[in-house]
Amino acid sequence: MEKVPMTAGGHTALETELKRRTSEDRPQIIQAIAEARSHGDLSENAEYHAAKEQQSLNEGRIHELEDKLARAEIIDVSKLSGDTVKFGATVKLVDEDTDEEKTYQIVGDVEADVSAGRISLSSPISRALIGKSVGDSVEVAAPGGARSYEILKIGFK
């Protein structure tokens, strides 16, 4: 079984989602199925079929969350240090073409959220950054073409 690296915050978020899905969403869906069942003929009951599909999607996500939590390898980022980029690092970059500065934290696949500044360990930019130091330039093959970035700062928080 392959371990899934994640930060403590990512692990907590998954546990919270799992708890919500099992203790709140599951009973609501069961109630919706029971209510739709009481309306009679199930073969032409759109409410029943929609509730059953919602139940299937919810149960699938519950199983996915349980699997990821069972295989989680929690890495405490606050205890990491160093001057090279690795999992958990918060990296400040500057785009060498546009001089636009960006800050990303390298996290596990399950907690990646680009809009929140968290990028997946398996993303092209993370793979290019791993092992590099402040002042290094990296070239990233992005869907819109190759981009060059310079590492301005590396931190762990």
Protein backbone atom coordinates (compact mmCIF):
# COMPACT_ATOMS: atom_id res chain seq x y z
CA MET A 1 0.00 0.00 0.00
CA GLU A 2 1.46 3.31 -1.09
CA LYS A 3 1.53 6.05 1.55
CA VAL A 4 -0.17 9.37 0.83
CA PRO A 5 1.93 12.31 2.09
CA MET A 6 -0.03 15.17 3.61
CA THR A 7 0.33 17.97 6.08
CA ALA A 8 -1.41 17.89 9.47
CA GLY A 9 -3.83 20.56 8.22
CA GLY A 10 -4.72 18.51 5.16
CA HIS A 11 -5.31 15.44 7.32
CA THR A 12 -7.62 17.42 9.61
CA ALA A 13 -9.58 18.75 6.62
CA LEU A 14 -10.11 15.21 5.29
CA GLU A 15 -11.22 13.97 8.72
CA THR A 16 -13.68 16.88 8.98
CA GLU A 17 -15.13 16.11 5.54
CA LEU A 18 -15.43 12.41 6.38
CA LYS A 19 -17.21 13.19 9.66
CA ARG A 20 -19.64 15.56 7.87
CA ARG A 21 -20.39 13.04 5.13
CA THR A 22 -21.03 10.18 7.57
CA SER A 23 -22.87 12.02 10.36
CA GLU A 24 -24.79 14.69 8.41
CA ASP A 25 -24.99 13.93 4.67
CA ARG A 26 -25.61 10.16 4.96
CA PRO A 27 -28.69 10.49 7.26
CA GLN A 28 -30.12 13.29 5.08
CA ILE A 29 -29.78 11.14 1.97
CA ILE A 30 -31.36 8.13 3.70
CA GLN A 31 -34.28 10.37 4.74
CA ALA A 32 -34.63 11.65 1.15
CA ILE A 33 -34.70 8.06 -0.16
CA ALA A 34 -37.35 7.07 2.42
CA GLU A 35 -39.46 10.09 1.53
CA ALA A 36 -39.18 9.44 -2.20
CA ARG A 37 -39.99 5.75 -1.65
CA SER A 38 -43.22 6.75 0.07
CA HIS A 39 -44.40 8.48 -3.12
CA GLY A 40 -45.10 5.14 -4.77
CA ASP A 41 -43.92 3.66 -8.07
CA LEU A 42 -40.11 3.64 -7.97
CA SER A 43 -39.63 2.98 -11.69
CA GLU A 44 -40.87 6.48 -12.59
CA ASN A 45 -39.83 8.28 -9.42
CA ALA A 46 -37.19 10.89 -10.31
CA GLU A 47 -36.74 11.96 -6.68
CA TYR A 48 -35.92 8.38 -5.70
CA HIS A 49 -33.40 7.91 -8.51
CA ALA A 50 -31.74 11.26 -7.75
CA ALA A 51 -31.47 10.41 -4.05
CA LYS A 52 -30.02 6.96 -4.84
CA GLU A 53 -27.45 8.57 -7.16
CA GLN A 54 -26.56 11.12 -4.47
CA GLN A 55 -26.18 8.24 -2.00
CA SER A 56 -23.85 6.43 -4.40
CA LEU A 57 -21.68 9.50 -4.90
CA ASN A 58 -21.54 10.20 -1.15
CA GLU A 59 -20.63 6.60 -0.28
CA GLY A 60 -17.95 6.60 -2.98
CA ARG A 61 -16.40 9.75 -1.53
CA ILE A 62 -16.59 8.29 1.99
CA HIS A 63 -14.67 5.20 0.83
CA GLU A 64 -12.12 7.40 -0.95
CA LEU A 65 -11.60 9.53 2.19
CA GLU A 66 -11.28 6.45 4.43
CA ASP A 67 -8.66 5.00 2.07
CA LYS A 68 -6.62 8.21 1.94
CA LEU A 69 -6.77 8.66 5.71
CA ALA A 70 -5.74 5.05 6.27
CA ARG A 71 -2.72 5.49 3.98
CA ALA A 72 -1.86 8.99 5.22
CA GLU A 73 1.71 9.81 6.09
CA ILE A 74 1.36 13.00 8.11
CA ILE A 75 4.36 15.28 7.83
CA ASP A 76 4.67 18.06 10.40
CA VAL A 77 5.87 20.98 8.29
CA SER A 78 6.77 23.06 11.35
CA LYS A 79 9.52 20.57 12.20
CA LEU A 80 11.08 20.73 8.74
CA SER A 81 13.96 23.01 7.84
CA GLY A 82 16.66 23.38 5.27
CA ASP A 83 17.62 25.51 2.34
CA THR A 84 16.34 23.32 -0.47
CA VAL A 85 12.78 22.85 -1.69
CA LYS A 86 11.02 19.71 -0.44
CA PHE A 87 7.56 18.56 0.61
CA GLY A 88 5.91 21.12 2.88
CA ALA A 89 8.12 24.01 1.80
CA THR A 90 6.58 27.40 1.12
CA VAL A 91 8.38 28.80 -1.90
CA LYS A 92 8.31 32.40 -3.12
CA LEU A 93 8.98 32.63 -6.86
CA VAL A 94 9.27 35.35 -9.42
CA ASP A 95 8.27 34.75 -13.04
CA GLU A 96 11.37 35.77 -15.00
CA ASP A 97 9.27 36.95 -17.97
CA THR A 98 6.59 39.02 -16.21
CA ASP A 99 8.30 39.79 -12.85
CA GLU A 100 5.11 38.51 -11.16
CA GLU A 101 5.75 37.06 -7.70
CA LYS A 102 3.94 33.94 -6.53
CA THR A 103 4.06 31.97 -3.29
CA TYR A 104 3.22 28.28 -3.18
CA GLN A 105 3.33 25.58 -0.54
CA ILE A 106 4.14 22.09 -1.79
CA VAL A 107 1.59 19.66 -0.37
CA GLY A 108 0.15 16.20 -1.07
CA ASP A 109 -2.16 15.57 -4.01
CA VAL A 110 -5.27 15.37 -1.83
CA GLU A 111 -4.87 18.85 -0.33
CA ALA A 112 -3.68 20.77 -3.39
CA ASP A 113 -5.59 23.98 -4.11
CA VAL A 114 -3.88 26.44 -6.45
CA SER A 115 -6.27 29.27 -5.55
CA ALA A 116 -5.14 28.90 -1.91
CA GLY A 117 -1.46 28.72 -2.90
CA ARG A 118 -1.05 24.97 -2.30
CA ILE A 119 0.34 22.95 -5.19
CA SER A 120 0.57 19.20 -5.51
CA LEU A 121 3.85 17.41 -4.99
CA SER A 122 3.28 15.72 -8.35
CA SER A 123 2.58 18.93 -10.32
CA PRO A 124 5.10 19.99 -13.01
CA ILE A 125 6.11 23.12 -11.08
CA SER A 126 6.70 21.15 -7.84
CA ARG A 127 8.76 18.53 -9.65
CA ALA A 128 10.88 21.31 -11.14
CA LEU A 129 11.36 22.98 -7.74
CA ILE A 130 12.22 19.93 -5.59
CA GLY A 131 15.88 20.00 -4.55
CA LYS A 132 16.52 23.57 -5.72
CA SER A 133 17.79 26.45 -3.54
CA VAL A 134 17.24 30.21 -3.25
CA GLY A 135 18.59 31.96 -6.36
CA ASP A 136 18.13 28.93 -8.64
CA SER A 137 16.18 29.31 -11.85
CA VAL A 138 13.79 26.59 -12.93
CA GLU A 139 12.03 26.05 -16.20
CA VAL A 140 8.56 24.56 -16.03
CA ALA A 141 6.84 22.97 -19.00
CA ALA A 142 3.31 24.35 -18.55
CA PRO A 143 0.28 23.83 -20.81
CA GLY A 144 0.65 27.44 -22.05
CA GLY A 145 4.35 26.94 -22.86
CA ALA A 146 7.57 26.87 -20.87
CA ARG A 147 7.86 29.33 -17.98
CA SER A 148 10.99 30.33 -16.10
CA TYR A 149 10.95 31.09 -12.39
CA GLU A 150 13.62 32.20 -9.94
CA ILE A 151 13.37 31.05 -6.31
CA LEU A 152 13.37 34.07 -3.99
CA LYS A 153 12.65 32.45 -0.64
CA ILE A 154 12.11 29.03 0.93
CA GLY A 155 10.35 28.62 4.27
CA PHE A 156 8.65 26.02 6.41
CA LYS A 157 5.63 26.97 8.50
